[in-house]
């Protein structure tokens, strides 16, 4: 019986050692699981932050695209106004050139008539 008791005590010690080893392993695995959960939580928080940044950047891009469209529209309007003013300026320059031509022509006529008048006055004075 004592041999059997020793045998069972030895077996109980072996089983207790195995149990302790398994408990230690379980503690390590629990620690690993906890660490993995923490890493997962950090990764999810990082993912959420990146998602929020992405949403913010998309909003900014949309805002800038809207502003760009407005600026392009304004630029188009200004180009049309500039073209209209350029057309008016060209017309005014043409009219000015024509008026200058007429002024030169009128000055020549005036000089000619003054010369004729001077000639007639000279002739009249001689007579």
Protein backbone atom coordinates (compact mmCIF):
# COMPACT_ATOMS: atom_id res chain seq x y z
CA UNK A 1 0.00 0.00 0.00
CA UNK A 2 2.87 2.30 0.84
CA UNK A 3 4.44 1.66 -2.52
CA UNK A 4 1.14 2.36 -4.13
CA UNK A 5 0.75 5.49 -1.98
CA UNK A 6 4.23 6.64 -2.99
CA UNK A 7 3.42 5.89 -6.58
CA UNK A 8 0.20 7.93 -6.38
CA UNK A 9 1.98 10.73 -4.51
CA UNK A 10 4.65 10.78 -7.22
CA UNK A 11 1.91 10.78 -9.86
CA UNK A 12 0.10 13.59 -7.97
CA UNK A 13 3.37 15.61 -7.87
CA UNK A 14 3.87 15.01 -11.58
CA UNK A 15 0.30 16.03 -12.30
CA UNK A 16 0.72 19.08 -10.03
CA UNK A 17 3.89 20.01 -12.00
CA UNK A 18 2.03 19.58 -15.26
CA UNK A 19 -0.85 21.62 -13.85
CA UNK A 20 1.52 24.38 -12.71
CA UNK A 21 3.25 24.38 -16.09
CA UNK A 22 -0.10 24.54 -17.86
CA UNK A 23 -1.25 27.36 -15.57
CA UNK A 24 1.99 29.25 -16.29
CA UNK A 25 1.45 28.68 -19.99
CA UNK A 26 -2.16 29.85 -19.64
CA UNK A 27 -0.96 33.01 -17.86
CA UNK A 28 1.52 33.66 -20.67
CA UNK A 29 -1.16 33.09 -23.29
CA UNK A 30 -3.53 35.40 -21.41
CA UNK A 31 -0.79 38.04 -21.35
CA UNK A 32 -0.22 37.53 -25.08
CA UNK A 33 -3.97 37.77 -25.75
CA UNK A 34 -4.14 40.95 -23.67
CA UNK A 35 -1.19 42.40 -25.57
CA UNK A 36 -2.81 41.46 -28.89
CA UNK A 37 -6.09 43.06 -27.76
CA UNK A 38 -4.20 46.25 -26.86
CA UNK A 39 -2.44 46.24 -30.23
CA UNK A 40 -5.78 45.63 -31.95
CA UNK A 41 -7.33 48.51 -30.02
CA UNK A 42 -4.43 50.80 -30.97
CA UNK A 43 -4.69 49.66 -34.59
CA UNK A 44 -8.44 50.33 -34.59
CA UNK A 45 -7.87 53.76 -33.05
CA UNK A 46 -5.20 54.51 -35.67
CA UNK A 47 -7.56 53.25 -38.37
CA UNK A 48 -10.35 55.50 -37.06
CA UNK A 49 -7.98 58.47 -36.90
CA UNK A 50 -6.83 57.80 -40.47
CA UNK A 51 -10.43 57.49 -41.57
CA UNK A 52 -11.26 60.84 -39.93
CA UNK A 53 -8.22 62.44 -41.54
CA UNK A 54 -9.26 60.97 -44.89
CA UNK A 55 -12.78 62.36 -44.50
CA UNK A 56 -11.34 65.75 -43.54
CA UNK A 57 -8.97 65.72 -46.51
CA UNK A 58 -11.79 64.72 -48.87
CA UNK A 59 -13.88 67.59 -47.51
CA UNK A 60 -10.97 69.98 -48.06
CA UNK A 61 -10.42 68.66 -51.60
CA UNK A 62 -14.11 69.12 -52.38
CA UNK A 63 -14.00 72.66 -50.96
CA UNK A 64 -10.92 73.49 -53.01
CA UNK A 65 -12.50 71.97 -56.11
CA UNK A 66 -15.58 74.12 -55.52
CA UNK A 67 -13.41 77.22 -55.12
CA UNK A 68 -11.44 76.27 -58.21
CA UNK A 69 -14.66 75.93 -60.20
CA UNK A 70 -15.78 79.35 -58.95
CA UNK A 71 -12.43 80.88 -59.85
CA UNK A 72 -12.57 79.32 -63.30
CA UNK A 73 -16.09 80.71 -63.77
CA UNK A 74 -14.96 84.17 -62.64
CA UNK A 75 -11.90 83.95 -64.88
CA UNK A 76 -14.12 83.02 -67.83
CA UNK A 77 -16.35 86.02 -67.13
CA UNK A 78 -13.34 88.30 -66.83
CA UNK A 79 -11.96 86.91 -70.09
CA UNK A 80 -15.27 87.70 -71.80
CA UNK A 81 -15.27 91.22 -70.35
CA UNK A 82 -11.66 91.66 -71.40
CA UNK A 83 -12.51 90.50 -74.91
CA UNK A 84 -15.43 92.94 -75.02
CA UNK A 85 -13.22 95.78 -73.82
CA UNK A 86 -10.52 94.79 -76.29
CA UNK A 87 -13.08 94.91 -79.09
CA UNK A 88 -14.26 98.35 -77.92
CA UNK A 89 -10.66 99.52 -77.63
CA UNK A 90 -9.89 98.31 -81.15
CA UNK A 91 -12.98 100.13 -82.45
CA UNK A 92 -12.00 103.32 -80.60
CA UNK A 93 -8.45 103.09 -81.94
CA UNK A 94 -9.85 102.70 -85.46
CA UNK A 95 -12.11 105.71 -84.92
CA UNK A 96 -9.19 107.70 -83.48
CA UNK A 97 -7.04 106.79 -86.46
CA UNK A 98 -9.86 107.81 -88.79
CA UNK A 99 -10.33 111.07 -86.87
CA UNK A 100 -6.57 111.75 -87.06
CA UNK A 101 -6.69 111.12 -90.80
CA UNK A 102 -9.64 113.51 -91.12
CA UNK A 103 -7.85 116.09 -88.94
CA UNK A 104 -4.74 115.93 -91.16
CA UNK A 105 -6.96 116.23 -94.22
CA UNK A 106 -8.82 119.21 -92.72
CA UNK A 107 -5.51 120.86 -91.76
CA UNK A 108 -4.27 120.47 -95.36
CA UNK A 109 -7.51 121.95 -96.64
CA UNK A 110 -7.20 124.80 -94.13
CA UNK A 111 -3.59 125.46 -95.18
CA UNK A 112 -4.63 125.39 -98.82
CA UNK A 113 -7.52 127.81 -98.17
CA UNK A 114 -5.27 130.05 -96.08
CA UNK A 115 -2.76 130.04 -98.92
CA UNK A 116 -5.55 130.89 -101.36
CA UNK A 117 -6.83 133.60 -99.04
CA UNK A 118 -3.33 135.02 -98.65
CA UNK A 119 -2.91 134.92 -102.41
CA UNK A 120 -6.27 136.62 -102.97
CA UNK A 121 -5.51 139.25 -100.32
CA UNK A 122 -2.12 139.86 -101.93
CA UNK A 123 -3.75 140.18 -105.33
CA UNK A 124 -6.39 142.50 -103.96
CA UNK A 125 -3.74 144.59 -102.26
CA UNK A 126 -1.85 144.80 -105.58
CA UNK A 127 -4.95 145.88 -107.44
